């Protein structure tokens, strides 16, 4: 009788221990799908193609050109131009182009001015440039207020064949001083030849000389 009771008590105790062990295994976090992960994965670093550029775009530097040294030559802005009175010979009237230095400082001029007729509101050229007559003269230095001159020959264009000349009303002269790229305008209303195949020169100019 005693042995049978002990055996039943042992079996009951073993069953209780086994049930407790199974319960413990069923509550383990590793077997519970609702349990949060033990640690979050580390964020991935951006690829090189997504990374911002470490170097900024080059910045261009604007450099101002150094001013050209004063070569002492008379420039368009340094002078005041006008036409003097002249005389006629064999169908050509000669008038001096007076070049007055108004720059406030001395300047030098040498050679042939560039001369042409201009017309219209846009100042377009009429006919060919003036023919350079003679040889290049000596340099002329003008103090402020002094003048030089270059003689211009105005041919009577009515003497040319109208078909070749194509007479055109002009407003005056465009003048380039020697070795200068800017021009001046001198009023001289009259008639010029728009045709460039006339048998002669409608304008001639001589080298600059002292006035």
N, C-alpha and C. Protein backbone atom coordinates (compact mmCIF):
# COMPACT_ATOMS: atom_id res chain seq x y z
N UNK A 1 0.84 -1.20 0.00
CA UNK A 1 0.00 0.00 0.00
C UNK A 1 0.86 1.23 0.00
N UNK A 2 1.83 1.26 0.81
CA UNK A 2 2.73 2.44 0.90
C UNK A 2 3.45 2.65 -0.41
N UNK A 3 3.96 1.61 -1.06
CA UNK A 3 4.70 1.72 -2.32
C UNK A 3 3.81 2.28 -3.43
N UNK A 4 2.55 1.91 -3.44
CA UNK A 4 1.65 2.40 -4.49
C UNK A 4 1.39 3.88 -4.35
N UNK A 5 1.30 4.43 -3.19
CA UNK A 5 1.08 5.87 -2.97
C UNK A 5 2.29 6.67 -3.38
N UNK A 6 3.45 6.14 -3.04
CA UNK A 6 4.69 6.87 -3.41
C UNK A 6 4.81 6.96 -4.92
N UNK A 7 4.47 5.88 -5.60
CA UNK A 7 4.58 5.88 -7.06
C UNK A 7 3.65 6.89 -7.68
N UNK A 8 2.41 6.99 -7.19
CA UNK A 8 1.45 7.96 -7.74
C UNK A 8 1.89 9.39 -7.46
N UNK A 9 2.43 9.61 -6.22
CA UNK A 9 2.91 10.97 -5.92
C UNK A 9 4.03 11.37 -6.85
N UNK A 10 4.95 10.40 -7.14
CA UNK A 10 6.07 10.73 -8.07
C UNK A 10 5.60 11.02 -9.45
N UNK A 11 4.59 10.28 -9.92
CA UNK A 11 4.09 10.52 -11.26
C UNK A 11 3.43 11.87 -11.37
N UNK A 12 2.68 12.25 -10.30
CA UNK A 12 2.03 13.55 -10.32
C UNK A 12 3.05 14.67 -10.33
N UNK A 13 4.09 14.51 -9.51
CA UNK A 13 5.14 15.55 -9.44
C UNK A 13 5.84 15.68 -10.78
N UNK A 14 6.12 14.54 -11.44
CA UNK A 14 6.79 14.62 -12.76
C UNK A 14 5.95 15.28 -13.79
N UNK A 15 4.61 15.00 -13.73
CA UNK A 15 3.71 15.65 -14.71
C UNK A 15 3.69 17.15 -14.53
N UNK A 16 3.69 17.59 -13.24
CA UNK A 16 3.68 19.05 -12.98
C UNK A 16 4.94 19.69 -13.50
N UNK A 17 6.08 19.06 -13.25
CA UNK A 17 7.36 19.62 -13.72
C UNK A 17 7.42 19.70 -15.24
N UNK A 18 6.91 18.66 -15.93
CA UNK A 18 6.92 18.67 -17.39
C UNK A 18 6.04 19.76 -17.96
N UNK A 19 4.86 19.97 -17.34
CA UNK A 19 3.96 21.02 -17.81
C UNK A 19 4.57 22.40 -17.65
N UNK A 20 5.28 22.57 -16.53
CA UNK A 20 5.94 23.88 -16.30
C UNK A 20 7.01 24.15 -17.32
N UNK A 21 7.76 23.07 -17.67
CA UNK A 21 8.82 23.24 -18.68
C UNK A 21 8.27 23.58 -20.03
N UNK A 22 7.15 22.89 -20.40
CA UNK A 22 6.54 23.19 -21.69
C UNK A 22 5.98 24.60 -21.75
N UNK A 23 5.41 25.06 -20.65
CA UNK A 23 4.88 26.43 -20.61
C UNK A 23 5.98 27.44 -20.76
N UNK A 24 7.12 27.14 -20.13
CA UNK A 24 8.24 28.06 -20.25
C UNK A 24 8.73 28.14 -21.68
N UNK A 25 8.81 27.02 -22.38
CA UNK A 25 9.26 27.04 -23.78
C UNK A 25 8.28 27.76 -24.67
N UNK A 26 6.98 27.63 -24.45
CA UNK A 26 5.98 28.29 -25.28
C UNK A 26 5.98 29.78 -25.13
N UNK A 27 6.44 30.35 -24.03
CA UNK A 27 6.47 31.81 -23.81
C UNK A 27 7.79 32.43 -24.17
N UNK A 28 8.71 31.68 -24.76
CA UNK A 28 10.02 32.23 -25.11
C UNK A 28 9.86 33.28 -26.20
N UNK A 29 10.54 34.48 -26.08
CA UNK A 29 10.40 35.52 -27.10
C UNK A 29 10.84 35.07 -28.47
N UNK A 30 11.78 34.18 -28.56
CA UNK A 30 12.28 33.77 -29.87
C UNK A 30 11.27 33.00 -30.65
N UNK A 31 10.27 32.39 -29.98
CA UNK A 31 9.23 31.64 -30.69
C UNK A 31 7.95 32.42 -30.86
N UNK A 32 7.90 33.70 -30.41
CA UNK A 32 6.68 34.51 -30.47
C UNK A 32 6.77 35.44 -31.67
N UNK A 33 5.99 35.24 -32.74
CA UNK A 33 6.11 36.09 -33.94
C UNK A 33 5.74 37.52 -33.69
N UNK A 34 5.00 37.85 -32.62
CA UNK A 34 4.64 39.23 -32.35
C UNK A 34 5.71 39.98 -31.59
N UNK A 35 6.73 39.30 -31.16
CA UNK A 35 7.76 39.98 -30.36
C UNK A 35 8.62 40.85 -31.26
N UNK A 36 9.03 42.06 -30.82
CA UNK A 36 9.89 42.94 -31.64
C UNK A 36 11.28 42.38 -31.76
N UNK A 37 11.99 42.69 -32.82
CA UNK A 37 13.35 42.20 -32.97
C UNK A 37 14.23 42.77 -31.87
N UNK A 38 15.25 42.03 -31.54
CA UNK A 38 16.13 42.44 -30.45
C UNK A 38 16.87 43.72 -30.76
N UNK A 39 17.16 44.00 -32.05
CA UNK A 39 17.88 45.23 -32.41
C UNK A 39 17.50 45.64 -33.83
N UNK A 40 17.50 46.96 -34.10
CA UNK A 40 17.17 47.48 -35.44
C UNK A 40 18.39 47.43 -36.32
N UNK A 41 18.19 47.13 -37.60
CA UNK A 41 19.36 47.11 -38.51
C UNK A 41 19.94 48.50 -38.68
N UNK A 42 21.26 48.57 -38.83
CA UNK A 42 21.94 49.86 -39.01
C UNK A 42 21.54 50.46 -40.35
N UNK A 43 21.33 51.80 -40.41
CA UNK A 43 20.95 52.41 -41.70
C UNK A 43 22.05 52.27 -42.72
N UNK A 44 21.65 52.02 -43.94
CA UNK A 44 22.65 51.86 -45.01
C UNK A 44 23.18 53.21 -45.43
N UNK A 45 24.46 53.28 -45.73
CA UNK A 45 25.08 54.54 -46.17
C UNK A 45 24.76 54.77 -47.62
N UNK A 46 24.59 56.04 -48.04
CA UNK A 46 24.26 56.31 -49.45
C UNK A 46 25.39 55.90 -50.36
N UNK A 47 25.02 55.49 -51.56
CA UNK A 47 26.04 55.13 -52.53
C UNK A 47 26.77 56.36 -53.01
N UNK A 48 27.90 56.15 -53.68
CA UNK A 48 28.70 57.27 -54.15
C UNK A 48 27.95 58.10 -55.16
N UNK A 49 27.03 57.46 -55.94
CA UNK A 49 26.28 58.21 -56.95
C UNK A 49 25.24 59.11 -56.32
N UNK A 50 24.81 58.80 -55.06
CA UNK A 50 23.82 59.62 -54.41
C UNK A 50 24.44 60.66 -53.50
N UNK A 51 25.73 60.52 -53.23
CA UNK A 51 26.39 61.45 -52.31
C UNK A 51 26.55 62.79 -52.98
N UNK A 52 26.39 63.90 -52.26
CA UNK A 52 26.61 65.22 -52.86
C UNK A 52 28.05 65.41 -53.22
N UNK A 53 28.29 66.19 -54.26
CA UNK A 53 29.65 66.42 -54.71
C UNK A 53 30.42 67.18 -53.65
N UNK A 54 31.64 66.71 -53.41
CA UNK A 54 32.46 67.35 -52.37
C UNK A 54 33.17 68.58 -52.88
N UNK A 55 33.22 68.79 -54.22
CA UNK A 55 33.91 69.95 -54.77
C UNK A 55 32.92 70.85 -55.47
N UNK A 56 32.99 72.15 -55.22
CA UNK A 56 32.08 73.11 -55.85
C UNK A 56 32.53 73.39 -57.27
N UNK A 57 31.59 73.86 -58.09
CA UNK A 57 31.92 74.20 -59.47
C UNK A 57 32.89 75.37 -59.49
N UNK A 58 33.86 75.36 -60.42
CA UNK A 58 34.83 76.46 -60.45
C UNK A 58 34.17 77.78 -60.75
N UNK A 59 34.63 78.80 -60.11
CA UNK A 59 34.08 80.15 -60.30
C UNK A 59 35.00 80.92 -61.24
N UNK A 60 34.43 81.40 -62.35
CA UNK A 60 35.24 82.15 -63.31
C UNK A 60 35.53 83.54 -62.77
N UNK A 61 36.72 84.01 -63.04
CA UNK A 61 37.15 85.32 -62.58
C UNK A 61 37.24 86.26 -63.78
N UNK A 62 36.52 87.34 -63.75
CA UNK A 62 36.54 88.33 -64.83
C UNK A 62 37.68 89.30 -64.58
N UNK A 63 38.60 89.35 -65.51
CA UNK A 63 39.74 90.25 -65.39
C UNK A 63 39.57 91.42 -66.35
N UNK A 64 39.68 92.59 -65.83
CA UNK A 64 39.56 93.79 -66.66
C UNK A 64 40.85 93.99 -67.43
N UNK A 65 40.69 94.33 -68.72
CA UNK A 65 41.86 94.58 -69.55
C UNK A 65 42.56 95.85 -69.07
N UNK A 66 43.86 95.79 -69.06
CA UNK A 66 44.63 96.95 -68.63
C UNK A 66 44.46 98.07 -69.65
N UNK A 67 44.29 99.30 -69.20
CA UNK A 67 44.12 100.41 -70.15
C UNK A 67 45.34 100.56 -71.04
N UNK A 68 45.09 100.87 -72.31
CA UNK A 68 46.19 101.05 -73.24
C UNK A 68 46.96 102.32 -72.90
N UNK A 69 48.27 102.25 -73.01
CA UNK A 69 49.05 103.46 -72.74
C UNK A 69 48.76 104.55 -73.76
N UNK A 70 48.84 105.78 -73.35
CA UNK A 70 48.59 106.91 -74.24
C UNK A 70 49.74 107.02 -75.23
N UNK A 71 49.44 106.82 -76.53
CA UNK A 71 50.49 106.89 -77.54
C UNK A 71 50.71 108.30 -78.06
N UNK A 72 49.92 109.27 -77.55
CA UNK A 72 50.12 110.66 -77.94
C UNK A 72 49.47 111.04 -79.25
N UNK A 73 48.82 110.08 -79.95
CA UNK A 73 48.18 110.39 -81.22
C UNK A 73 46.83 111.08 -80.98
N UNK A 74 46.44 111.93 -81.91
CA UNK A 74 45.15 112.60 -81.82
C UNK A 74 44.04 111.59 -82.11
N UNK A 75 43.08 111.50 -81.20
CA UNK A 75 41.96 110.59 -81.34
C UNK A 75 40.70 111.38 -81.74
N UNK A 76 39.68 110.64 -82.17
CA UNK A 76 38.44 111.27 -82.61
C UNK A 76 37.85 112.17 -81.52
N UNK A 77 37.93 111.73 -80.27
CA UNK A 77 37.36 112.51 -79.17
C UNK A 77 38.22 113.73 -78.81
N UNK A 78 39.43 113.79 -79.34
CA UNK A 78 40.35 114.88 -79.00
C UNK A 78 40.22 116.10 -79.89
N UNK A 79 39.48 115.97 -80.99
CA UNK A 79 39.53 117.03 -82.01
C UNK A 79 38.14 117.56 -82.34
N UNK A 80 38.16 118.74 -82.92
CA UNK A 80 36.95 119.37 -83.47
C UNK A 80 37.22 119.62 -84.94
N UNK A 81 36.34 119.11 -85.81
CA UNK A 81 36.57 119.20 -87.25
C UNK A 81 35.62 120.19 -87.90
N UNK A 82 36.12 120.86 -88.94
CA UNK A 82 35.29 121.78 -89.73
C UNK A 82 35.92 121.92 -91.11
N UNK A 83 35.14 122.44 -92.06
CA UNK A 83 35.64 122.70 -93.40
C UNK A 83 35.88 124.18 -93.60
N UNK A 84 37.07 124.52 -94.08
CA UNK A 84 37.37 125.92 -94.39
C UNK A 84 36.90 126.27 -95.79
N UNK A 85 37.07 127.54 -96.14
CA UNK A 85 36.71 127.99 -97.48
C UNK A 85 37.78 127.55 -98.47
N UNK A 86 37.38 127.39 -99.73
CA UNK A 86 38.34 126.92 -100.72
C UNK A 86 38.18 127.60 -102.04
N UNK A 87 38.83 127.02 -103.04
CA UNK A 87 38.76 127.56 -104.38
C UNK A 87 38.58 126.41 -105.36
N UNK A 88 38.21 126.75 -106.59
CA UNK A 88 37.94 125.73 -107.58
C UNK A 88 38.97 125.72 -108.69
N UNK A 89 39.16 124.53 -109.26
CA UNK A 89 40.06 124.40 -110.40
C UNK A 89 39.64 123.21 -111.23
N UNK A 90 39.35 123.46 -112.49
CA UNK A 90 39.01 122.40 -113.46
C UNK A 90 37.94 121.46 -112.94
N UNK A 91 36.85 122.01 -112.47
CA UNK A 91 35.73 121.20 -112.03
C UNK A 91 35.86 120.60 -110.65
N UNK A 92 36.90 120.98 -109.90
CA UNK A 92 37.10 120.47 -108.54
C UNK A 92 37.24 121.64 -107.58
N UNK A 93 36.56 121.55 -106.45
CA UNK A 93 36.68 122.56 -105.39
C UNK A 93 37.52 121.97 -104.26
N UNK A 94 38.56 122.71 -103.86
CA UNK A 94 39.43 122.26 -102.76
C UNK A 94 39.10 123.04 -101.49
N UNK A 95 38.85 122.30 -100.43
CA UNK A 95 38.57 122.93 -99.13
C UNK A 95 39.40 122.24 -98.06
N UNK A 96 39.98 123.01 -97.14
CA UNK A 96 40.77 122.39 -96.08
C UNK A 96 39.89 121.80 -94.99
N UNK A 97 40.21 120.59 -94.61
CA UNK A 97 39.60 119.99 -93.43
C UNK A 97 40.42 120.46 -92.23
N UNK A 98 39.83 121.28 -91.38
CA UNK A 98 40.54 121.83 -90.23
C UNK A 98 40.37 120.89 -89.04
N UNK A 99 41.49 120.54 -88.43
CA UNK A 99 41.51 119.58 -87.32
C UNK A 99 42.06 120.30 -86.09
N UNK A 100 41.17 120.67 -85.17
CA UNK A 100 41.56 121.44 -83.99
C UNK A 100 41.65 120.55 -82.77
N UNK A 101 42.78 120.65 -82.06
CA UNK A 101 42.97 119.88 -80.83
C UNK A 101 42.22 120.55 -79.67
N UNK A 102 41.25 119.84 -79.12
CA UNK A 102 40.48 120.37 -78.00
C UNK A 102 40.57 119.43 -76.78
N UNK A 103 41.61 118.61 -76.75
CA UNK A 103 41.74 117.59 -75.71
C UNK A 103 42.25 118.14 -74.38
N UNK A 104 42.86 119.33 -74.42
CA UNK A 104 43.46 119.87 -73.21
C UNK A 104 44.90 119.46 -73.02
N UNK A 105 45.45 118.70 -73.96
CA UNK A 105 46.85 118.26 -73.90
C UNK A 105 47.38 118.13 -75.33
N UNK A 106 48.68 118.10 -75.53
CA UNK A 106 49.22 117.96 -76.88
C UNK A 106 48.89 116.59 -77.48
N UNK A 107 48.74 116.55 -78.80
CA UNK A 107 48.59 115.27 -79.52
C UNK A 107 49.23 115.42 -80.89
N UNK A 108 49.55 114.27 -81.49
CA UNK A 108 50.28 114.26 -82.76
C UNK A 108 49.44 113.59 -83.84
N UNK A 109 49.55 114.12 -85.05
CA UNK A 109 48.81 113.57 -86.18
C UNK A 109 49.73 113.51 -87.39
N UNK A 110 49.61 112.43 -88.18
CA UNK A 110 50.46 112.27 -89.36
C UNK A 110 49.77 111.37 -90.37
N UNK A 111 49.79 111.78 -91.64
CA UNK A 111 49.27 110.93 -92.69
C UNK A 111 47.96 111.43 -93.29
N UNK A 112 47.23 110.52 -93.93
CA UNK A 112 46.00 110.85 -94.65
C UNK A 112 44.78 110.50 -93.80
N UNK A 113 43.86 111.43 -93.64
CA UNK A 113 42.57 111.06 -93.03
C UNK A 113 41.79 110.18 -94.00
N UNK A 114 40.93 109.33 -93.46
CA UNK A 114 39.99 108.56 -94.28
C UNK A 114 38.72 109.38 -94.46
N UNK A 115 38.32 109.62 -95.72
CA UNK A 115 37.19 110.50 -96.02
C UNK A 115 36.20 109.77 -96.92
N UNK A 116 34.91 109.95 -96.64
CA UNK A 116 33.87 109.40 -97.53
C UNK A 116 32.59 110.21 -97.35
N UNK A 117 31.75 110.19 -98.40
CA UNK A 117 30.42 110.78 -98.30
C UNK A 117 29.50 109.85 -97.50
N UNK A 118 28.56 110.46 -96.76
CA UNK A 118 27.53 109.67 -96.06
C UNK A 118 26.17 110.31 -96.31
N UNK A 119 25.14 109.46 -96.22
CA UNK A 119 23.77 109.93 -96.49
C UNK A 119 22.79 109.16 -95.61
N UNK A 120 21.55 109.66 -95.58
CA UNK A 120 20.47 108.96 -94.87
C UNK A 120 20.57 109.11 -93.36
N UNK A 121 19.51 108.66 -92.69
CA UNK A 121 19.47 108.71 -91.24
C UNK A 121 20.47 107.76 -90.61
N UNK A 122 20.81 106.70 -91.33
CA UNK A 122 21.75 105.71 -90.79
C UNK A 122 23.20 106.05 -91.09
N UNK A 123 23.44 107.13 -91.86
CA UNK A 123 24.81 107.53 -92.17
C UNK A 123 25.56 106.54 -93.04
N UNK A 124 24.88 105.89 -94.00
CA UNK A 124 25.56 104.92 -94.84
C UNK A 124 26.47 105.63 -95.85
N UNK A 125 27.53 104.93 -96.24
CA UNK A 125 28.50 105.52 -97.15
C UNK A 125 27.96 105.58 -98.56
N UNK A 126 28.35 106.65 -99.26
CA UNK A 126 27.95 106.83 -100.66
C UNK A 126 29.22 106.86 -101.51
N UNK A 127 29.35 105.88 -102.39
CA UNK A 127 30.52 105.84 -103.26
C UNK A 127 31.78 105.38 -102.53
N UNK A 128 32.91 105.52 -103.23
CA UNK A 128 34.20 105.06 -102.69
C UNK A 128 34.81 106.09 -101.73
N UNK A 129 35.79 105.60 -100.95
CA UNK A 129 36.56 106.50 -100.09
C UNK A 129 37.35 107.49 -100.94
N UNK A 130 37.72 108.59 -100.33
CA UNK A 130 38.52 109.60 -101.03
C UNK A 130 39.87 109.02 -101.45
N UNK A 131 40.29 109.38 -102.65
CA UNK A 131 41.59 108.96 -103.17
C UNK A 131 42.71 109.76 -102.49
N UNK A 132 43.75 109.06 -102.04
CA UNK A 132 44.88 109.73 -101.37
C UNK A 132 45.83 110.30 -102.41
N UNK A 133 45.97 111.60 -102.39
CA UNK A 133 46.74 112.32 -103.40
C UNK A 133 48.06 112.78 -102.80
N UNK A 134 49.17 112.29 -103.35
CA UNK A 134 50.48 112.73 -102.87
C UNK A 134 51.11 111.73 -101.92
N UNK A 135 52.09 112.20 -101.16
CA UNK A 135 52.84 111.35 -100.24
C UNK A 135 52.55 111.73 -98.79
N UNK A 136 52.87 110.81 -97.90
CA UNK A 136 52.65 111.02 -96.47
C UNK A 136 53.62 112.07 -95.95
N UNK A 137 53.08 113.04 -95.25
CA UNK A 137 53.91 114.13 -94.75
C UNK A 137 54.50 113.84 -93.37
N UNK A 138 55.12 114.86 -92.82
CA UNK A 138 55.74 114.76 -91.51
C UNK A 138 54.67 114.80 -90.41
N UNK A 139 55.05 114.31 -89.24
CA UNK A 139 54.14 114.36 -88.09
C UNK A 139 53.95 115.81 -87.66
N UNK A 140 52.72 116.12 -87.26
CA UNK A 140 52.39 117.46 -86.78
C UNK A 140 51.90 117.32 -85.34
N UNK A 141 52.59 118.02 -84.42
CA UNK A 141 52.18 118.01 -83.01
C UNK A 141 51.36 119.25 -82.72
N UNK A 142 50.17 119.04 -82.17
CA UNK A 142 49.26 120.14 -81.89
C UNK A 142 49.15 120.35 -80.38
N UNK A 143 49.45 121.57 -79.95
CA UNK A 143 49.15 121.92 -78.56
C UNK A 143 47.64 122.12 -78.45
N UNK A 144 47.14 122.13 -77.25
CA UNK A 144 45.70 122.35 -77.07
C UNK A 144 45.28 123.67 -77.72
N UNK A 145 44.26 123.62 -78.57
CA UNK A 145 43.78 124.82 -79.26
C UNK A 145 44.39 125.03 -80.63
N UNK A 146 45.46 124.31 -80.97
CA UNK A 146 46.07 124.46 -82.28
C UNK A 146 45.38 123.55 -83.30
N UNK A 147 45.59 123.88 -84.61
CA UNK A 147 44.92 123.14 -85.68
C UNK A 147 45.90 122.69 -86.75
N UNK A 148 45.57 121.56 -87.36
CA UNK A 148 46.23 121.10 -88.57
C UNK A 148 45.18 121.08 -89.67
N UNK A 149 45.60 120.78 -90.91
CA UNK A 149 44.66 120.77 -92.03
C UNK A 149 45.02 119.67 -93.00
N UNK A 150 44.01 119.20 -93.70
CA UNK A 150 44.19 118.25 -94.80
C UNK A 150 43.28 118.72 -95.93
N UNK A 151 43.83 118.94 -97.11
CA UNK A 151 43.06 119.50 -98.22
C UNK A 151 42.23 118.41 -98.90
N UNK A 152 40.93 118.70 -99.07
CA UNK A 152 40.01 117.76 -99.71
C UNK A 152 39.56 118.35 -101.04
N UNK A 153 39.58 117.51 -102.08
CA UNK A 153 39.08 117.93 -103.39
C UNK A 153 37.69 117.35 -103.63
N UNK A 154 36.73 118.26 -103.87
CA UNK A 154 35.35 117.86 -104.15
C UNK A 154 35.11 118.00 -105.66
N UNK A 155 35.00 116.87 -106.35
CA UNK A 155 34.79 116.90 -107.79
C UNK A 155 33.32 117.19 -108.08
N UNK A 156 33.08 118.00 -109.13
CA UNK A 156 31.71 118.28 -109.55
C UNK A 156 31.15 117.03 -110.22
N UNK A 157 30.29 116.29 -109.45
CA UNK A 157 29.84 114.98 -109.93
C UNK A 157 28.86 115.10 -111.09
N UNK A 158 28.31 116.29 -111.34
CA UNK A 158 27.41 116.47 -112.47
C UNK A 158 28.15 116.28 -113.80
N UNK A 159 29.48 116.32 -113.73
CA UNK A 159 30.27 116.13 -114.94
C UNK A 159 30.38 114.66 -115.33
N UNK A 160 30.01 113.76 -114.42
CA UNK A 160 30.05 112.33 -114.72
C UNK A 160 28.75 111.91 -115.42
N UNK A 161 28.84 110.80 -116.14
CA UNK A 161 27.64 110.23 -116.75
C UNK A 161 26.66 109.84 -115.65
N UNK A 162 25.41 110.30 -115.69
CA UNK A 162 24.46 110.02 -114.62
C UNK A 162 24.23 108.52 -114.39
N UNK A 163 24.28 107.74 -115.47
CA UNK A 163 24.07 106.30 -115.31
C UNK A 163 25.17 105.65 -114.49
N UNK A 164 26.41 106.13 -114.68
CA UNK A 164 27.52 105.57 -113.91
C UNK A 164 27.61 106.19 -112.52
N UNK A 165 27.28 107.49 -112.46
CA UNK A 165 27.41 108.21 -111.19
C UNK A 165 26.30 107.86 -110.20
N UNK A 166 25.08 107.80 -110.71
CA UNK A 166 23.90 107.65 -109.85
C UNK A 166 23.90 108.73 -108.77
N UNK A 167 23.68 110.00 -109.17
CA UNK A 167 23.74 111.12 -108.23
C UNK A 167 22.84 110.89 -107.02
N UNK A 168 23.39 111.15 -105.83
CA UNK A 168 22.70 110.89 -104.57
C UNK A 168 22.94 112.06 -103.62
N UNK A 169 21.89 112.50 -102.98
CA UNK A 169 22.03 113.57 -101.99
C UNK A 169 22.80 113.06 -100.78
N UNK A 170 23.78 113.83 -100.34
CA UNK A 170 24.59 113.45 -99.18
C UNK A 170 24.47 114.51 -98.10
N UNK A 171 24.74 114.08 -96.87
CA UNK A 171 24.65 115.00 -95.72
C UNK A 171 26.00 115.57 -95.30
N UNK A 172 27.06 114.87 -95.66
CA UNK A 172 28.37 115.35 -95.25
C UNK A 172 29.43 114.27 -95.39
N UNK A 173 30.47 114.38 -94.53
CA UNK A 173 31.63 113.51 -94.63
C UNK A 173 31.82 112.70 -93.34
N UNK A 174 32.18 111.44 -93.52
CA UNK A 174 32.69 110.66 -92.39
C UNK A 174 34.20 110.74 -92.44
N UNK A 175 34.82 111.08 -91.31
CA UNK A 175 36.27 111.32 -91.27
C UNK A 175 36.91 110.41 -90.22
N UNK A 176 37.92 109.67 -90.65
CA UNK A 176 38.77 108.90 -89.74
C UNK A 176 40.14 109.58 -89.69
N UNK A 177 40.56 109.98 -88.52
CA UNK A 177 41.91 110.50 -88.40
C UNK A 177 42.91 109.37 -88.68
N UNK A 178 44.14 109.72 -89.09
CA UNK A 178 45.14 108.67 -89.33
C UNK A 178 45.33 107.79 -88.09
N UNK A 179 45.38 106.48 -88.32
CA UNK A 179 45.61 105.47 -87.27
C UNK A 179 44.54 105.50 -86.18
N UNK A 180 43.32 105.85 -86.55
CA UNK A 180 42.20 105.90 -85.61
C UNK A 180 41.05 105.05 -86.15
N UNK A 181 40.34 104.37 -85.24
CA UNK A 181 39.23 103.50 -85.64
C UNK A 181 37.87 104.12 -85.37
N UNK A 182 37.80 105.18 -84.59
CA UNK A 182 36.55 105.90 -84.37
C UNK A 182 36.48 107.06 -85.36
N UNK A 183 35.27 107.43 -85.75
CA UNK A 183 35.11 108.45 -86.78
C UNK A 183 34.41 109.70 -86.25
N UNK A 184 34.52 110.77 -87.03
CA UNK A 184 33.81 112.02 -86.78
C UNK A 184 32.96 112.35 -88.00
N UNK A 185 31.93 113.15 -87.79
CA UNK A 185 31.08 113.59 -88.89
C UNK A 185 31.25 115.09 -89.10
N UNK A 186 31.36 115.47 -90.38
CA UNK A 186 31.46 116.88 -90.74
C UNK A 186 30.31 117.20 -91.70
N UNK A 187 29.41 118.11 -91.33
CA UNK A 187 28.30 118.45 -92.24
C UNK A 187 28.83 119.08 -93.54
N UNK A 188 28.33 118.60 -94.67
CA UNK A 188 28.69 119.15 -95.98
C UNK A 188 27.63 118.72 -96.98
N UNK A 189 26.44 119.29 -96.89
CA UNK A 189 25.34 118.87 -97.78
C UNK A 189 25.72 119.09 -99.24
N UNK A 190 25.31 118.14 -100.09
CA UNK A 190 25.62 118.26 -101.51
C UNK A 190 25.18 117.01 -102.24
N UNK A 191 25.89 116.72 -103.33
CA UNK A 191 25.55 115.56 -104.17
C UNK A 191 26.79 114.72 -104.37
N UNK A 192 26.65 113.42 -104.19
CA UNK A 192 27.74 112.49 -104.44
C UNK A 192 27.31 111.43 -105.42
N UNK A 193 28.26 110.61 -105.84
CA UNK A 193 27.99 109.49 -106.74
C UNK A 193 27.88 108.20 -105.94
N UNK A 194 26.71 107.56 -106.02
CA UNK A 194 26.56 106.26 -105.37
C UNK A 194 27.22 105.16 -106.19
N UNK A 195 27.33 105.38 -107.51
CA UNK A 195 27.99 104.40 -108.37
C UNK A 195 29.49 104.39 -108.12
N UNK A 196 30.08 103.20 -108.17
CA UNK A 196 31.51 103.06 -107.89
C UNK A 196 32.34 102.82 -109.14
N UNK A 197 31.72 102.95 -110.29
CA UNK A 197 32.44 102.72 -111.55
C UNK A 197 32.58 104.01 -112.35
N UNK A 198 32.64 105.14 -111.68
CA UNK A 198 32.80 106.41 -112.39
C UNK A 198 34.23 106.54 -112.89
N UNK A 199 34.45 107.27 -113.98
CA UNK A 199 35.80 107.41 -114.54
C UNK A 199 36.60 108.50 -113.82
N UNK A 200 36.91 108.26 -112.57
CA UNK A 200 37.64 109.25 -111.79
C UNK A 200 37.32 109.11 -110.31
N UNK A 201 37.68 110.12 -109.53
CA UNK A 201 37.45 110.11 -108.08
C UNK A 201 36.60 111.30 -107.70
N UNK A 202 35.48 111.05 -107.02
CA UNK A 202 34.63 112.16 -106.62
C UNK A 202 35.21 112.92 -105.42
N UNK A 203 36.10 112.27 -104.66
CA UNK A 203 36.78 112.92 -103.53
C UNK A 203 38.27 112.57 -103.57
N UNK A 204 39.09 113.56 -103.26
CA UNK A 204 40.53 113.33 -103.07
C UNK A 204 40.95 114.00 -101.76
N UNK A 205 42.01 113.49 -101.14
CA UNK A 205 42.50 114.06 -99.89
C UNK A 205 44.02 114.03 -99.89
N UNK A 206 44.60 115.08 -99.34
CA UNK A 206 46.06 115.17 -99.20
C UNK A 206 46.46 114.98 -97.75
N UNK A 207 47.73 114.77 -97.52
CA UNK A 207 48.24 114.48 -96.18
C UNK A 207 48.05 115.68 -95.24
N UNK A 208 48.06 115.41 -93.97
CA UNK A 208 47.89 116.45 -92.94
C UNK A 208 49.13 117.36 -92.92
N UNK A 209 48.90 118.64 -92.75
CA UNK A 209 49.99 119.61 -92.64
C UNK A 209 49.60 120.68 -91.61
N UNK A 210 50.53 121.51 -91.24
CA UNK A 210 50.23 122.59 -90.31
C UNK A 210 49.27 123.56 -90.94
N UNK A 211 48.33 124.01 -90.17
CA UNK A 211 47.32 124.94 -90.69
C UNK A 211 47.89 126.34 -90.77
